[in-house]
Amino acid sequence: MATLIIRHKVEDYTRWKRGYDDADWLRKQHGITYASVHREESNPNDIIAVHQFKNMKGAKDFAKAVPSLMEKIGVIGKPEVWFSEDVEQVTYS
């Protein structure tokens, strides 16, 4: 498995979130198996989106597909992007 983490600032979280939700088709198209959205506690317009994929190809293809969408939904500046190979995952209750 692979994880793509994208951190970026947005003009307005509500606008961004609406655009993010409307792009569910894009996440499905690229085989995302898990997604979560996080906001900076002191700045709700500082967003981290975490997406897991079956493989690194899916993660990289998705990362290539999203820049034009990001601009449309109010992402400011260049996002920080990390690709990681999933080595271990533990769930605690």
Foldseek 3Di string as FASTA:
>chain_A
DKKKKKKFFFPDLVLLVVLVVVCVVLCVVLAWPDKDKDADPVDRRTIMIMTDHPDVVSVVVSVVPCPVSCVVSGTPDDMDMDMDDDDDDDDDD
